[in-house]
C-alpha atoms as a PDB file:
ATOM      1  CA  MET A   1      21.773 -16.828 -29.133  1.00  0.00           C
ATOM      2  CA  ASN A   2      23.942 -19.920 -28.759  1.00  0.00           C
ATOM      3  CA  TYR A   3      23.878 -22.199 -31.789  1.00  0.00           C
ATOM      4  CA  ILE A   4      26.034 -24.505 -33.887  1.00  0.00           C
ATOM      5  CA  VAL A   5      25.960 -26.145 -37.326  1.00  0.00           C
ATOM      6  CA  THR A   6      25.752 -29.887 -37.898  1.00  0.00           C
ATOM      7  CA  THR A   7      24.538 -32.402 -40.505  1.00  0.00           C
ATOM      8  CA  SER A   8      21.996 -35.192 -40.671  1.00  0.00           C
ATOM      9  CA  TYR A   9      23.063 -38.720 -39.734  1.00  0.00           C
ATOM     10  CA  LYS A  10      25.623 -40.436 -41.990  1.00  0.00           C
ATOM     11  CA  PRO A  11      26.321 -37.300 -44.044  1.00  0.00           C
ATOM     12  CA  SER A  12      28.060 -37.256 -47.385  1.00  0.00           C
ATOM     13  CA  GLY A  13      31.407 -35.536 -47.718  1.00  0.00           C
ATOM     14  CA  GLU A  14      29.678 -32.676 -49.552  1.00  0.00           C
ATOM     15  CA  GLU A  15      27.223 -32.153 -46.674  1.00  0.00           C
ATOM     16  CA  VAL A  16      30.063 -32.036 -44.163  1.00  0.00           C
ATOM     17  CA  THR A  17      31.924 -29.500 -46.288  1.00  0.00           C
ATOM     18  CA  LYS A  18      28.841 -27.296 -46.626  1.00  0.00           C
ATOM     19  CA  ALA A  19      28.174 -27.462 -42.903  1.00  0.00           C
ATOM     20  CA  ARG A  20      31.769 -26.571 -42.063  1.00  0.00           C
ATOM     21  CA  ASP A  21      31.736 -23.696 -44.551  1.00  0.00           C
ATOM     22  CA  LEU A  22      28.497 -22.306 -43.110  1.00  0.00           C
ATOM     23  CA  ALA A  23      29.831 -22.546 -39.555  1.00  0.00           C
ATOM     24  CA  GLY A  24      32.970 -20.683 -40.612  1.00  0.00           C
ATOM     25  CA  GLU A  25      30.926 -18.031 -42.391  1.00  0.00           C
ATOM     26  CA  MET A  26      28.756 -17.432 -39.311  1.00  0.00           C
ATOM     27  CA  GLY A  27      31.645 -17.656 -36.863  1.00  0.00           C
ATOM     28  CA  VAL A  28      30.112 -20.540 -34.892  1.00  0.00           C
ATOM     29  CA  ARG A  29      31.197 -24.084 -34.153  1.00  0.00           C
ATOM     30  CA  TYR A  30      30.693 -27.072 -36.440  1.00  0.00           C
ATOM     31  CA  VAL A  31      29.780 -30.209 -34.475  1.00  0.00           C
ATOM     32  CA  SER A  32      29.586 -33.626 -36.110  1.00  0.00           C
ATOM     33  CA  ARG A  33      26.192 -35.305 -35.799  1.00  0.00           C
ATOM     34  CA  ASN A  34      27.684 -38.180 -33.809  1.00  0.00           C
ATOM     35  CA  ARG A  35      28.782 -35.715 -31.122  1.00  0.00           C
ATOM     36  CA  LEU A  36      25.627 -33.577 -31.075  1.00  0.00           C
ATOM     37  CA  LYS A  37      23.916 -35.153 -28.035  1.00  0.00           C
ATOM     38  CA  GLU A  38      27.133 -35.055 -26.055  1.00  0.00           C
ATOM     39  CA  TYR A  39      27.676 -31.407 -27.022  1.00  0.00           C
ATOM     40  CA  GLU A  40      24.103 -30.497 -26.040  1.00  0.00           C
ATOM     41  CA  LYS A  41      24.730 -31.909 -22.561  1.00  0.00           C
ATOM     42  CA  GLU A  42      27.903 -29.842 -22.243  1.00  0.00           C
ATOM     43  CA  THR A  43      26.494 -26.609 -23.695  1.00  0.00           C
ATOM     44  CA  ALA A  44      23.023 -25.081 -23.532  1.00  0.00           C
ATOM     45  CA  LEU A  45      22.038 -24.612 -27.170  1.00  0.00           C
ATOM     46  CA  ASP A  46      19.196 -22.334 -28.240  1.00  0.00           C
ATOM     47  CA  PHE A  47      19.018 -24.093 -31.612  1.00  0.00           C
ATOM     48  CA  TYR A  48      21.191 -25.650 -34.288  1.00  0.00           C
ATOM     49  CA  TYR A  49      21.426 -25.628 -38.091  1.00  0.00           C
ATOM     50  CA  VAL A  50      21.263 -28.935 -39.949  1.00  0.00           C
ATOM     51  CA  PHE A  51      22.213 -29.711 -43.544  1.00  0.00           C
ATOM     52  CA  ASP A  52      19.619 -32.358 -44.361  1.00  0.00           C
ATOM     53  CA  LYS A  53      19.924 -35.312 -46.736  1.00  0.00           C
ATOM     54  CA  ASN A  54      17.513 -33.678 -49.205  1.00  0.00           C
ATOM     55  CA  GLY A  55      19.818 -30.695 -49.630  1.00  0.00           C
ATOM     56  CA  GLN A  56      17.785 -28.442 -47.358  1.00  0.00           C
ATOM     57  CA  LEU A  57      19.074 -26.221 -44.580  1.00  0.00           C
ATOM     58  CA  VAL A  58      16.861 -26.394 -41.484  1.00  0.00           C
ATOM     59  CA  ILE A  59      16.916 -25.063 -37.926  1.00  0.00           C
ATOM     60  CA  ARG A  60      15.971 -27.308 -35.022  1.00  0.00           C
ATOM     61  CA  SER A  61      14.981 -25.866 -31.659  1.00  0.00           C
ATOM     62  CA  GLY A  62      13.557 -28.347 -29.204  1.00  0.00           C
ATOM     63  CA  GLU A  63      10.627 -30.014 -30.955  1.00  0.00           C
ATOM     64  CA  GLU A  64      10.298 -27.237 -33.563  1.00  0.00           C
ATOM     65  CA  VAL A  65      11.803 -27.509 -37.037  1.00  0.00           C
ATOM     66  CA  PHE A  66      12.064 -24.410 -39.224  1.00  0.00           C
ATOM     67  CA  PHE A  67      12.513 -25.035 -42.943  1.00  0.00           C
ATOM     68  CA  PHE A  68      11.573 -23.605 -46.323  1.00  0.00           C
ATOM     69  CA  HIS A  69       8.553 -25.027 -48.112  1.00  0.00           C
ATOM     70  CA  PRO A  70       6.452 -23.502 -50.933  1.00  0.00           C
ATOM     71  CA  GLY A  71       3.234 -25.205 -49.776  1.00  0.00           C
ATOM     72  CA  MET A  72       0.997 -22.185 -49.128  1.00  0.00           C
ATOM     73  CA  SER A  73       1.894 -20.546 -52.440  1.00  0.00           C
ATOM     74  CA  LYS A  74       0.710 -23.715 -54.192  1.00  0.00           C
ATOM     75  CA  VAL A  75      -2.562 -23.700 -52.245  1.00  0.00           C
ATOM     76  CA  ARG A  76      -3.197 -20.067 -53.075  1.00  0.00           C
ATOM     77  CA  LEU A  77      -2.458 -20.511 -56.773  1.00  0.00           C
ATOM     78  CA  LYS A  78      -4.865 -23.445 -56.870  1.00  0.00           C
ATOM     79  CA  ASN A  79      -7.546 -21.251 -55.265  1.00  0.00           C
ATOM     80  CA  ILE A  80      -6.880 -18.492 -57.786  1.00  0.00           C
ATOM     81  CA  LYS A  81      -7.420 -20.928 -60.636  1.00  0.00           C
ATOM     82  CA  LEU A  82     -10.632 -22.214 -59.053  1.00  0.00           C
ATOM     83  CA  GLN A  83     -12.140 -18.990 -57.716  1.00  0.00           C
ATOM     84  CA  ASP A  84      -9.990 -15.999 -58.785  1.00  0.00           C
ATOM     85  CA  SER A  85     -10.299 -14.800 -55.198  1.00  0.00           C
ATOM     86  CA  ASP A  86      -6.809 -13.816 -54.011  1.00  0.00           C
ATOM     87  CA  TYR A  87      -7.018 -10.232 -52.751  1.00  0.00           C
ATOM     88  CA  LEU A  88      -3.257  -9.637 -52.838  1.00  0.00           C
ATOM     89  CA  ILE A  89      -2.874 -10.613 -56.489  1.00  0.00           C
ATOM     90  CA  LYS A  90      -6.026  -8.695 -57.412  1.00  0.00           C
ATOM     91  CA  SER A  91      -4.702  -5.643 -55.569  1.00  0.00           C
ATOM     92  CA  MET A  92      -1.451  -5.679 -57.548  1.00  0.00           C
ATOM     93  CA  GLU A  93      -3.111  -5.773 -60.993  1.00  0.00           C
ATOM     94  CA  LEU A  94       0.026  -7.259 -62.504  1.00  0.00           C
ATOM     95  CA  ALA A  95       0.830  -6.957 -66.202  1.00  0.00           C
ATOM     96  CA  GLY A  96       3.775  -9.382 -65.859  1.00  0.00           C
ATOM     97  CA  THR A  97       6.766  -7.054 -66.212  1.00  0.00           C
ATOM     98  CA  GLU A  98       6.706  -5.299 -62.848  1.00  0.00           C
ATOM     99  CA  LEU A  99       9.526  -4.884 -60.362  1.00  0.00           C
ATOM    100  CA  VAL A 100       7.995  -5.666 -56.946  1.00  0.00           C
ATOM    101  CA  LEU A 101       9.609  -4.960 -53.574  1.00  0.00           C
ATOM    102  CA  ASP A 102       8.528  -7.332 -50.777  1.00  0.00           C
ATOM    103  CA  THR A 103       9.801  -5.600 -47.645  1.00  0.00           C
ATOM    104  CA  THR A 104       8.926  -8.401 -45.183  1.00  0.00           C
ATOM    105  CA  PHE A 105       9.828 -11.631 -46.960  1.00  0.00           C
ATOM    106  CA  GLY A 106       9.459 -14.264 -44.234  1.00  0.00           C
ATOM    107  CA  LEU A 107       8.958 -17.753 -45.689  1.00  0.00           C
ATOM    108  CA  GLY A 108       8.525 -16.286 -49.166  1.00  0.00           C
ATOM    109  CA  ASN A 109       5.216 -17.948 -50.009  1.00  0.00           C
ATOM    110  CA  GLU A 110       3.596 -14.692 -51.112  1.00  0.00           C
ATOM    111  CA  ALA A 111       6.710 -13.712 -53.067  1.00  0.00           C
ATOM    112  CA  LEU A 112       6.592 -17.028 -54.937  1.00  0.00           C
ATOM    113  CA  LEU A 113       2.934 -16.460 -55.748  1.00  0.00           C
ATOM    114  CA  ILE A 114       3.605 -12.925 -56.983  1.00  0.00           C
ATOM    115  CA  ALA A 115       6.641 -14.030 -59.024  1.00  0.00           C
ATOM    116  CA  ASN A 116       4.494 -16.610 -60.813  1.00  0.00           C
ATOM    117  CA  PHE A 117       2.612 -13.707 -62.405  1.00  0.00           C
ATOM    118  CA  LEU A 118       5.813 -11.897 -63.435  1.00  0.00           C
ATOM    119  CA  PRO A 119       7.220 -13.754 -66.456  1.00  0.00           C
ATOM    120  CA  GLY A 120       8.993 -10.543 -67.493  1.00  0.00           C
ATOM    121  CA  GLY A 121       9.552  -9.053 -64.041  1.00  0.00           C
ATOM    122  CA  LYS A 122      10.933  -9.979 -60.643  1.00  0.00           C
ATOM    123  CA  VAL A 123      10.488  -9.707 -56.883  1.00  0.00           C
ATOM    124  CA  VAL A 124      13.153  -8.132 -54.689  1.00  0.00           C
ATOM    125  CA  GLY A 125      12.746  -9.420 -51.135  1.00  0.00           C
ATOM    126  CA  LEU A 126      14.027  -8.041 -47.831  1.00  0.00           C
ATOM    127  CA  GLU A 127      14.375 -10.194 -44.718  1.00  0.00           C
ATOM    128  CA  ALA A 128      15.782  -8.553 -41.586  1.00  0.00           C
ATOM    129  CA  SER A 129      16.352 -11.790 -39.659  1.00  0.00           C
ATOM    130  CA  GLU A 130      19.713 -13.382 -40.413  1.00  0.00           C
ATOM    131  CA  HIS A 131      18.451 -16.867 -39.563  1.00  0.00           C
ATOM    132  CA  ILE A 132      15.234 -16.684 -41.586  1.00  0.00           C
ATOM    133  CA  PHE A 133      17.233 -15.244 -44.480  1.00  0.00           C
ATOM    134  CA  ARG A 134      19.752 -18.099 -44.412  1.00  0.00           C
ATOM    135  CA  VAL A 135      17.160 -20.881 -44.359  1.00  0.00           C
ATOM    136  CA  VAL A 136      14.838 -19.329 -46.938  1.00  0.00           C
ATOM    137  CA  SER A 137      17.511 -18.104 -49.372  1.00  0.00           C
ATOM    138  CA  HIS A 138      19.063 -21.592 -49.322  1.00  0.00           C
ATOM    139  CA  GLY A 139      15.632 -23.138 -49.844  1.00  0.00           C
ATOM    140  CA  LEU A 140      14.733 -20.908 -52.785  1.00  0.00           C
ATOM    141  CA  LYS A 141      17.854 -22.092 -54.606  1.00  0.00           C
ATOM    142  CA  ASN A 142      17.963 -25.737 -53.529  1.00  0.00           C
ATOM    143  CA  TYR A 143      14.416 -26.923 -52.806  1.00  0.00           C
ATOM    144  CA  PRO A 144      13.419 -30.022 -54.868  1.00  0.00           C
ATOM    145  CA  TYR A 145      10.472 -28.325 -56.584  1.00  0.00           C
ATOM    146  CA  GLU A 146       7.875 -30.686 -58.014  1.00  0.00           C
ATOM    147  CA  ASP A 147       6.119 -28.027 -60.113  1.00  0.00           C
ATOM    148  CA  ASP A 148       7.756 -26.082 -62.911  1.00  0.00           C
ATOM    149  CA  TRP A 149       5.977 -22.892 -61.938  1.00  0.00           C
ATOM    150  CA  THR A 150       7.465 -22.808 -58.413  1.00  0.00           C
ATOM    151  CA  ARG A 151      10.975 -23.429 -59.760  1.00  0.00           C
ATOM    152  CA  GLU A 152      10.575 -20.702 -62.379  1.00  0.00           C
ATOM    153  CA  ALA A 153       9.032 -18.281 -59.870  1.00  0.00           C
ATOM    154  CA  ALA A 154      11.918 -18.846 -57.429  1.00  0.00           C
ATOM    155  CA  GLY A 155      14.309 -17.892 -60.209  1.00  0.00           C
ATOM    156  CA  ARG A 156      12.606 -14.495 -60.441  1.00  0.00           C
ATOM    157  CA  ILE A 157      13.268 -13.643 -56.783  1.00  0.00           C
ATOM    158  CA  GLU A 158      16.258 -11.777 -55.354  1.00  0.00           C
ATOM    159  CA  LEU A 159      16.453 -11.965 -51.558  1.00  0.00           C
ATOM    160  CA  TYR A 160      18.583  -9.721 -49.340  1.00  0.00           C
ATOM    161  CA  ASN A 161      19.297  -9.762 -45.594  1.00  0.00           C
ATOM    162  CA  ARG A 162      18.285  -6.140 -45.093  1.00  0.00           C
ATOM    163  CA  ASP A 163      16.008  -4.187 -42.774  1.00  0.00           C
ATOM    164  CA  LEU A 164      13.226  -2.414 -44.654  1.00  0.00           C
ATOM    165  CA  ARG A 165      13.692   0.893 -42.792  1.00  0.00           C
ATOM    166  CA  GLU A 166      17.262   1.402 -43.915  1.00  0.00           C
ATOM    167  CA  PHE A 167      16.600   0.007 -47.374  1.00  0.00           C
ATOM    168  CA  VAL A 168      13.605   2.133 -48.380  1.00  0.00           C
ATOM    169  CA  ARG A 169      15.237   5.325 -47.101  1.00  0.00           C
ATOM    170  CA  ASN A 170      17.990   4.740 -49.649  1.00  0.00           C
ATOM    171  CA  CYS A 171      15.641   3.986 -52.565  1.00  0.00           C
ATOM    172  CA  GLY A 172      15.050   6.564 -55.247  1.00  0.00           C
ATOM    173  CA  GLU A 173      11.525   7.827 -55.712  1.00  0.00           C
ATOM    174  CA  GLY A 174       9.483   5.345 -57.778  1.00  0.00           C
ATOM    175  CA  SER A 175      12.273   2.733 -57.752  1.00  0.00           C
ATOM    176  CA  TYR A 176       9.749  -0.130 -57.723  1.00  0.00           C
ATOM    177  CA  ASP A 177       6.445  -0.536 -59.505  1.00  0.00           C
ATOM    178  CA  ILE A 178       4.848  -2.006 -56.376  1.00  0.00           C
ATOM    179  CA  VAL A 179       5.977  -2.007 -52.753  1.00  0.00           C
ATOM    180  CA  TYR A 180       4.387  -4.590 -50.453  1.00  0.00           C
ATOM    181  CA  CYS A 181       4.619  -4.830 -46.654  1.00  0.00           C
ATOM    182  CA  ASP A 182       3.328  -7.694 -44.506  1.00  0.00           C
ATOM    183  CA  PRO A 183       4.495  -7.043 -40.903  1.00  0.00           C
ATOM    184  CA  MET A 184       3.965  -9.567 -38.130  1.00  0.00           C
ATOM    185  CA  PHE A 185       0.402  -9.452 -36.811  1.00  0.00           C
ATOM    186  CA  ASP A 186      -0.417  -7.970 -33.389  1.00  0.00           C
ATOM    187  CA  ARG A 187      -2.280 -11.131 -32.483  1.00  0.00           C
ATOM    188  CA  PRO A 188      -0.506 -14.164 -33.971  1.00  0.00           C
ATOM    189  CA  GLN A 189      -2.413 -17.068 -35.483  1.00  0.00           C
ATOM    190  CA  TYR A 190      -0.849 -19.910 -33.532  1.00  0.00           C
ATOM    191  CA  ARG A 191      -2.858 -22.382 -35.606  1.00  0.00           C
ATOM    192  CA  SER A 192      -0.492 -21.587 -38.475  1.00  0.00           C
ATOM    193  CA  HIS A 193       1.896 -24.536 -38.174  1.00  0.00           C
ATOM    194  CA  SER A 194       4.115 -23.281 -41.014  1.00  0.00           C
ATOM    195  CA  ILE A 195       4.673 -19.925 -39.285  1.00  0.00           C
ATOM    196  CA  ASN A 196       5.100 -21.075 -35.670  1.00  0.00           C
ATOM    197  CA  PRO A 197       8.707 -22.399 -36.050  1.00  0.00           C
ATOM    198  CA  LEU A 198       9.674 -19.047 -37.618  1.00  0.00           C
ATOM    199  CA  ARG A 199       8.469 -16.917 -34.686  1.00  0.00           C
ATOM    200  CA  PRO A 200      11.574 -17.172 -32.432  1.00  0.00           C
ATOM    201  CA  PHE A 201      13.730 -15.777 -35.259  1.00  0.00           C
ATOM    202  CA  ALA A 202      11.398 -13.100 -36.647  1.00  0.00           C
ATOM    203  CA  VAL A 203      11.978  -9.350 -36.314  1.00  0.00           C
ATOM    204  CA  TYR A 204       9.021  -7.754 -34.527  1.00  0.00           C
ATOM    205  CA  ASP A 205       9.952  -4.073 -34.895  1.00  0.00           C
ATOM    206  CA  ARG A 206       6.745  -2.083 -35.366  1.00  0.00           C
ATOM    207  CA  ILE A 207       6.544  -0.025 -38.552  1.00  0.00           C
ATOM    208  CA  ASN A 208       5.505   3.613 -38.117  1.00  0.00           C
ATOM    209  CA  ARG A 209       4.026   6.289 -40.358  1.00  0.00           C
ATOM    210  CA  GLU A 210       7.452   7.557 -41.423  1.00  0.00           C
ATOM    211  CA  ASP A 211       8.442   4.052 -42.553  1.00  0.00           C
ATOM    212  CA  VAL A 212       5.234   3.827 -44.577  1.00  0.00           C
ATOM    213  CA  ASP A 213       5.803   7.235 -46.166  1.00  0.00           C
ATOM    214  CA  TRP A 214       9.236   6.103 -47.352  1.00  0.00           C
ATOM    215  CA  MET A 215       7.746   2.898 -48.770  1.00  0.00           C
ATOM    216  CA  ILE A 216       5.072   4.902 -50.579  1.00  0.00           C
ATOM    217  CA  ARG A 217       7.783   7.153 -51.998  1.00  0.00           C
ATOM    218  CA  ALA A 218       9.691   4.118 -53.338  1.00  0.00           C
ATOM    219  CA  ALA A 219       6.573   2.859 -55.157  1.00  0.00           C
ATOM    220  CA  ARG A 220       5.840   4.059 -58.689  1.00  0.00           C
ATOM    221  CA  ARG A 221       2.382   2.469 -59.086  1.00  0.00           C
ATOM    222  CA  LYS A 222       1.134   0.969 -55.808  1.00  0.00           C
ATOM    223  CA  PHE A 223       1.832   0.531 -52.128  1.00  0.00           C
ATOM    224  CA  ILE A 224       0.080  -2.379 -50.369  1.00  0.00           C
ATOM    225  CA  LEU A 225       0.010  -2.998 -46.614  1.00  0.00           C
ATOM    226  CA  LYS A 226      -1.329  -6.182 -45.030  1.00  0.00           C
ATOM    227  CA  SER A 227      -2.976  -6.448 -41.619  1.00  0.00           C
ATOM    228  CA  ARG A 228      -5.921  -8.144 -39.906  1.00  0.00           C
ATOM    229  CA  THR A 229      -9.334  -6.987 -38.799  1.00  0.00           C
ATOM    230  CA  ARG A 230      -8.422  -7.674 -35.149  1.00  0.00           C
ATOM    231  CA  ASP A 231      -5.153  -5.687 -35.272  1.00  0.00           C
ATOM    232  CA  THR A 232      -4.703  -1.952 -34.729  1.00  0.00           C
ATOM    233  CA  LEU A 233      -1.990  -1.209 -37.296  1.00  0.00           C
ATOM    234  CA  PHE A 234      -4.171   0.642 -39.807  1.00  0.00           C
ATOM    235  CA  GLN A 235      -5.698   2.821 -37.091  1.00  0.00           C
ATOM    236  CA  GLU A 236      -2.282   3.627 -35.589  1.00  0.00           C
ATOM    237  CA  LEU A 237      -0.833   4.675 -38.935  1.00  0.00           C
ATOM    238  CA  GLY A 238      -3.810   6.847 -39.871  1.00  0.00           C
ATOM    239  CA  ILE A 239      -3.435   6.217 -43.597  1.00  0.00           C
ATOM    240  CA  GLU A 240      -6.190   7.016 -46.052  1.00  0.00           C
ATOM    241  CA  PHE A 241      -6.145   4.065 -48.432  1.00  0.00           C
ATOM    242  CA  ASP A 242      -7.670   4.128 -51.894  1.00  0.00           C
ATOM    243  CA  ARG A 243      -8.962   0.628 -51.183  1.00  0.00           C
ATOM    244  CA  LEU A 244      -9.242  -1.472 -48.037  1.00  0.00           C
ATOM    245  CA  TRP A 245     -10.460  -4.991 -48.647  1.00  0.00           C
ATOM    246  CA  GLY A 246      -9.892  -8.612 -47.831  1.00  0.00           C
ATOM    247  CA  SER A 247     -11.360 -11.921 -46.733  1.00  0.00           C
ATOM    248  CA  LYS A 248     -14.010 -11.952 -44.014  1.00  0.00           C
ATOM    249  CA  LYS A 249     -13.255 -15.627 -43.388  1.00  0.00           C
ATOM    250  CA  SER A 250      -9.530 -15.165 -42.716  1.00  0.00           C
ATOM    251  CA  GLY A 251      -9.795 -11.629 -41.340  1.00  0.00           C
ATOM    252  CA  VAL A 252      -6.854 -10.539 -43.523  1.00  0.00           C
ATOM    253  CA  LEU A 253      -7.034  -7.021 -44.955  1.00  0.00           C
ATOM    254  CA  TYR A 254      -5.041  -5.288 -47.670  1.00  0.00           C
ATOM    255  CA  GLY A 255      -4.747  -1.511 -47.729  1.00  0.00           C
ATOM    256  CA  VAL A 256      -3.956  -0.266 -51.229  1.00  0.00           C
ATOM    257  CA  ILE A 257      -2.637   3.124 -52.302  1.00  0.00           C
ATOM    258  CA  ASP A 258      -2.708   3.762 -56.059  1.00  0.00           C
ATOM    259  CA  LYS A 259      -0.149   6.304 -57.241  1.00  0.00           C
ATOM    260  CA  ARG A 260      -1.481   6.779 -60.746  1.00  0.00           C
END
């Protein structure tokens, strides 16, 4: 992929410094915003990083803009308070002190939701994509949170640019209270406007039964796998779950294995 790092228009000195530092770290070119259009004409860019005025790091690719935002976690928490109907949180049965491994972090909205219920615990997140990791890890630390709970939840998350397969094979047995996996769906929901800009950067490697067995081994209390009613993942893996449930409306299913 061919990409560069730039800033928003009329950047501050701090924004320029951050952009230059990031470009140096990634081994790509820093281009000033005033020269961006000229550079795009000279070089075919796949995308470019931008340090925005609000302190956010975003990726622009054509008309798409990929950025971190905690919006869906806020919607889901609101629904929990109104209806107590979130199958993921119910599946985890959190006491508040657990160590949770989220093996497919993505935008981090589910991790933020989980971390809200862990005042004495934390979420360790894995994101295999370098570009998703950079945008989301920057966002977790620098997003201008309006709600105290999202800011506090973000502080209980540790995110690493690691592939789940390598990571879980090096975990000790029962290293985490709960291990959660949410791989990309077979049939994407293109109506999901928050997810669509992420798709070009996502890792689509299919998990197999051996990967799942290692994740189950790393879990002390529970292993939870997410899929959809229209996908074939559960059938392919041939796992006998203790519980398989979810929302008929959304078609999202959670397979739960209880280890105690």
